[in-house]
Amino acid sequence: MKTRFEFVNSDPNKLLAMVNFLETLGVARSELRPRLQIKLRKDEWTDRVKELEEYWSNLLNIPLSQFRKPSVRWGLRSSRSKFGTLSIRVYNTFLLDLFAFWENTVLRPLPISPPPEGHGFPGNASSAGSKPVLRPTLTG
């Protein structure tokens, strides 16, 4: 069984902080598998995807060859984030256990307030840019 840790956000500072934090925990950048997620209008040019992947690659110092296939949704309006949303995935049992421990011991006692009206729930694409989304998951 593989263990997957995934961090999703649209804030460049939060993503850079997470990549640096993962490095501090001993996770090499070569283990990270980023994926761009973006919503574009039909009239937007598709070079925007390549431009954004290059932006994230340069910012995080992760080669484009490590990026997974981007997820592009077409709609009436663009994403709220001009950088799209980036998910950073790494298969690492230690990270999964560490964040599960934090969630169950440190974060669980914290009261969770409902999201602002019209912003979905934490973890939904509609709120991914406002708060970090941690997705520790088990995959088979």
C-alpha atoms as a PDB file:
ATOM      1  CA  MET A   1       0.000   0.000   0.000  1.00  0.00           C
ATOM      2  CA  LYS A   2       1.370   3.416  -0.966  1.00  0.00           C
ATOM      3  CA  THR A   3       1.010   6.438   1.266  1.00  0.00           C
ATOM      4  CA  ARG A   4       0.472   9.815  -0.299  1.00  0.00           C
ATOM      5  CA  PHE A   5       0.815  13.230   1.297  1.00  0.00           C
ATOM      6  CA  GLU A   6      -0.551  16.162  -0.667  1.00  0.00           C
ATOM      7  CA  PHE A   7      -0.551  19.900   0.017  1.00  0.00           C
ATOM      8  CA  VAL A   8      -2.790  22.117  -2.131  1.00  0.00           C
ATOM      9  CA  ASN A   9      -2.828  25.907  -2.268  1.00  0.00           C
ATOM     10  CA  SER A  10      -2.745  28.897  -4.607  1.00  0.00           C
ATOM     11  CA  ASP A  11      -0.604  31.168  -2.425  1.00  0.00           C
ATOM     12  CA  PRO A  12       3.031  31.142  -3.674  1.00  0.00           C
ATOM     13  CA  ASN A  13       4.363  32.005  -0.193  1.00  0.00           C
ATOM     14  CA  LYS A  14       2.518  29.108   1.472  1.00  0.00           C
ATOM     15  CA  LEU A  15       3.644  26.660  -1.194  1.00  0.00           C
ATOM     16  CA  LEU A  16       7.269  27.798  -0.962  1.00  0.00           C
ATOM     17  CA  ALA A  17       7.100  27.551   2.841  1.00  0.00           C
ATOM     18  CA  MET A  18       5.716  23.996   2.598  1.00  0.00           C
ATOM     19  CA  VAL A  19       8.407  22.896   0.131  1.00  0.00           C
ATOM     20  CA  ASN A  20      11.084  24.350   2.434  1.00  0.00           C
ATOM     21  CA  PHE A  21       9.441  22.678   5.450  1.00  0.00           C
ATOM     22  CA  LEU A  22       9.356  19.328   3.655  1.00  0.00           C
ATOM     23  CA  GLU A  23      13.056  19.733   2.881  1.00  0.00           C
ATOM     24  CA  THR A  24      13.703  20.404   6.573  1.00  0.00           C
ATOM     25  CA  LEU A  25      11.947  17.102   7.316  1.00  0.00           C
ATOM     26  CA  GLY A  26      14.314  15.323   4.922  1.00  0.00           C
ATOM     27  CA  VAL A  27      12.128  15.185   1.803  1.00  0.00           C
ATOM     28  CA  ALA A  28      14.214  15.921  -1.296  1.00  0.00           C
ATOM     29  CA  ARG A  29      12.729  18.198  -3.953  1.00  0.00           C
ATOM     30  CA  SER A  30      13.312  15.356  -6.409  1.00  0.00           C
ATOM     31  CA  GLU A  31      10.555  13.418  -4.577  1.00  0.00           C
ATOM     32  CA  LEU A  32       7.929  16.135  -5.070  1.00  0.00           C
ATOM     33  CA  ARG A  33       5.316  15.778  -7.816  1.00  0.00           C
ATOM     34  CA  PRO A  34       3.527  19.114  -8.404  1.00  0.00           C
ATOM     35  CA  ARG A  35       0.351  19.513 -10.451  1.00  0.00           C
ATOM     36  CA  LEU A  36      -1.127  22.755 -11.720  1.00  0.00           C
ATOM     37  CA  GLN A  37      -4.899  23.116 -11.472  1.00  0.00           C
ATOM     38  CA  ILE A  38      -6.456  26.064 -13.269  1.00  0.00           C
ATOM     39  CA  LYS A  39      -9.784  27.235 -14.609  1.00  0.00           C
ATOM     40  CA  LEU A  40      -9.565  29.207 -17.854  1.00  0.00           C
ATOM     41  CA  ARG A  41     -12.078  30.974 -20.046  1.00  0.00           C
ATOM     42  CA  LYS A  42     -12.598  29.454 -23.473  1.00  0.00           C
ATOM     43  CA  ASP A  43     -11.047  32.528 -25.086  1.00  0.00           C
ATOM     44  CA  GLU A  44      -7.829  32.343 -23.028  1.00  0.00           C
ATOM     45  CA  TRP A  45      -4.816  30.987 -24.806  1.00  0.00           C
ATOM     46  CA  THR A  46      -3.517  27.593 -23.790  1.00  0.00           C
ATOM     47  CA  ASP A  47       0.074  28.892 -23.475  1.00  0.00           C
ATOM     48  CA  ARG A  48      -1.107  30.157 -20.088  1.00  0.00           C
ATOM     49  CA  VAL A  49      -0.783  26.625 -18.689  1.00  0.00           C
ATOM     50  CA  LYS A  50       2.852  26.339 -19.782  1.00  0.00           C
ATOM     51  CA  GLU A  51       3.565  29.846 -18.475  1.00  0.00           C
ATOM     52  CA  LEU A  52       2.137  28.978 -15.049  1.00  0.00           C
ATOM     53  CA  GLU A  53       3.970  25.665 -14.833  1.00  0.00           C
ATOM     54  CA  GLU A  54       7.222  27.482 -15.587  1.00  0.00           C
ATOM     55  CA  TYR A  55       6.377  30.076 -12.915  1.00  0.00           C
ATOM     56  CA  TRP A  56       5.868  27.383 -10.247  1.00  0.00           C
ATOM     57  CA  SER A  57       8.900  25.428 -11.434  1.00  0.00           C
ATOM     58  CA  ASN A  58      11.155  28.484 -11.088  1.00  0.00           C
ATOM     59  CA  LEU A  59       9.661  29.615  -7.773  1.00  0.00           C
ATOM     60  CA  LEU A  60       9.895  26.214  -6.103  1.00  0.00           C
ATOM     61  CA  ASN A  61      13.085  25.102  -7.861  1.00  0.00           C
ATOM     62  CA  ILE A  62      11.431  21.903  -9.106  1.00  0.00           C
ATOM     63  CA  PRO A  63      12.113  20.777 -12.694  1.00  0.00           C
ATOM     64  CA  LEU A  64       9.161  20.687 -15.093  1.00  0.00           C
ATOM     65  CA  SER A  65       9.921  17.006 -15.703  1.00  0.00           C
ATOM     66  CA  GLN A  66       8.596  16.257 -12.185  1.00  0.00           C
ATOM     67  CA  PHE A  67       5.235  17.956 -12.822  1.00  0.00           C
ATOM     68  CA  ARG A  68       2.192  15.759 -13.298  1.00  0.00           C
ATOM     69  CA  LYS A  69      -0.262  16.452 -16.105  1.00  0.00           C
ATOM     70  CA  PRO A  70      -2.057  19.761 -15.436  1.00  0.00           C
ATOM     71  CA  SER A  71      -5.760  19.827 -14.675  1.00  0.00           C
ATOM     72  CA  VAL A  72      -7.462  22.477 -16.814  1.00  0.00           C
ATOM     73  CA  ARG A  73     -11.147  23.249 -16.442  1.00  0.00           C
ATOM     74  CA  TRP A  74     -12.865  25.478 -18.938  1.00  0.00           C
ATOM     75  CA  GLY A  75     -15.517  27.860 -17.722  1.00  0.00           C
ATOM     76  CA  LEU A  76     -17.088  31.263 -18.015  1.00  0.00           C
ATOM     77  CA  ARG A  77     -14.570  32.955 -15.747  1.00  0.00           C
ATOM     78  CA  SER A  78     -10.981  32.420 -14.804  1.00  0.00           C
ATOM     79  CA  SER A  79      -9.814  31.162 -11.444  1.00  0.00           C
ATOM     80  CA  ARG A  80      -9.688  33.639  -8.602  1.00  0.00           C
ATOM     81  CA  SER A  81      -5.944  33.066  -8.377  1.00  0.00           C
ATOM     82  CA  LYS A  82      -3.774  34.452 -11.148  1.00  0.00           C
ATOM     83  CA  PHE A  83      -1.295  31.600 -10.489  1.00  0.00           C
ATOM     84  CA  GLY A  84      -3.805  28.756 -10.461  1.00  0.00           C
ATOM     85  CA  THR A  85      -3.739  26.196  -7.693  1.00  0.00           C
ATOM     86  CA  LEU A  86      -0.790  23.878  -7.182  1.00  0.00           C
ATOM     87  CA  SER A  87      -0.882  20.521  -5.484  1.00  0.00           C
ATOM     88  CA  ILE A  88       2.392  19.096  -4.240  1.00  0.00           C
ATOM     89  CA  ARG A  89       2.313  15.334  -3.814  1.00  0.00           C
ATOM     90  CA  VAL A  90       4.905  13.109  -2.206  1.00  0.00           C
ATOM     91  CA  TYR A  91       4.750   9.427  -1.323  1.00  0.00           C
ATOM     92  CA  ASN A  92       6.160   9.289   2.187  1.00  0.00           C
ATOM     93  CA  THR A  93       4.905   7.251   5.138  1.00  0.00           C
ATOM     94  CA  PHE A  94       6.634   9.464   7.700  1.00  0.00           C
ATOM     95  CA  LEU A  95       4.822  12.587   6.453  1.00  0.00           C
ATOM     96  CA  LEU A  96       1.486  10.845   6.425  1.00  0.00           C
ATOM     97  CA  ASP A  97       1.989   9.663  10.006  1.00  0.00           C
ATOM     98  CA  LEU A  98       3.311  13.039  11.165  1.00  0.00           C
ATOM     99  CA  PHE A  99       0.408  15.055   9.786  1.00  0.00           C
ATOM    100  CA  ALA A 100      -2.138  12.469  10.949  1.00  0.00           C
ATOM    101  CA  PHE A 101      -0.637  12.768  14.454  1.00  0.00           C
ATOM    102  CA  TRP A 102      -0.822  16.581  14.331  1.00  0.00           C
ATOM    103  CA  GLU A 103      -4.384  16.454  13.082  1.00  0.00           C
ATOM    104  CA  ASN A 104      -5.492  14.060  15.808  1.00  0.00           C
ATOM    105  CA  THR A 105      -3.643  15.654  18.729  1.00  0.00           C
ATOM    106  CA  VAL A 106      -3.023  19.311  17.975  1.00  0.00           C
ATOM    107  CA  LEU A 107      -5.629  20.393  15.433  1.00  0.00           C
ATOM    108  CA  ARG A 108      -8.592  18.245  16.530  1.00  0.00           C
ATOM    109  CA  PRO A 109      -9.275  20.272  19.698  1.00  0.00           C
ATOM    110  CA  LEU A 110      -9.413  23.528  17.713  1.00  0.00           C
ATOM    111  CA  PRO A 111     -12.933  24.778  16.951  1.00  0.00           C
ATOM    112  CA  ILE A 112     -13.604  24.943  13.233  1.00  0.00           C
ATOM    113  CA  SER A 113     -15.706  27.853  12.073  1.00  0.00           C
ATOM    114  CA  PRO A 114     -17.835  27.462   8.945  1.00  0.00           C
ATOM    115  CA  PRO A 115     -16.450  28.986   5.748  1.00  0.00           C
ATOM    116  CA  PRO A 116     -17.694  32.406   4.628  1.00  0.00           C
ATOM    117  CA  GLU A 117     -20.888  32.376   2.597  1.00  0.00           C
ATOM    118  CA  GLY A 118     -20.281  31.158  -0.955  1.00  0.00           C
ATOM    119  CA  HIS A 119     -16.775  29.799  -0.308  1.00  0.00           C
ATOM    120  CA  GLY A 120     -17.518  26.084  -0.091  1.00  0.00           C
ATOM    121  CA  PHE A 121     -15.899  23.871   2.496  1.00  0.00           C
ATOM    122  CA  PRO A 122     -12.198  23.443   3.288  1.00  0.00           C
ATOM    123  CA  GLY A 123     -10.753  21.068   0.724  1.00  0.00           C
ATOM    124  CA  ASN A 124     -13.086  22.084  -2.094  1.00  0.00           C
ATOM    125  CA  ALA A 125     -11.532  23.731  -5.121  1.00  0.00           C
ATOM    126  CA  SER A 126     -13.543  26.854  -4.343  1.00  0.00           C
ATOM    127  CA  SER A 127     -11.701  27.378  -1.059  1.00  0.00           C
ATOM    128  CA  ALA A 128      -8.284  25.939  -1.891  1.00  0.00           C
ATOM    129  CA  GLY A 129      -6.769  29.389  -2.327  1.00  0.00           C
ATOM    130  CA  SER A 130      -7.858  30.716   1.039  1.00  0.00           C
ATOM    131  CA  LYS A 131      -6.414  28.105   3.400  1.00  0.00           C
ATOM    132  CA  PRO A 132      -3.821  25.375   3.063  1.00  0.00           C
ATOM    133  CA  VAL A 133      -5.406  22.043   2.287  1.00  0.00           C
ATOM    134  CA  LEU A 134      -3.611  18.984   3.613  1.00  0.00           C
ATOM    135  CA  ARG A 135      -4.642  15.712   2.052  1.00  0.00           C
ATOM    136  CA  PRO A 136      -2.917  12.778   3.684  1.00  0.00           C
ATOM    137  CA  THR A 137      -4.382   9.738   1.964  1.00  0.00           C
ATOM    138  CA  LEU A 138      -3.781   6.036   1.630  1.00  0.00           C
ATOM    139  CA  THR A 139      -3.761   4.604  -1.867  1.00  0.00           C
ATOM    140  CA  GLY A 140      -3.624   1.019  -2.881  1.00  0.00           C
END
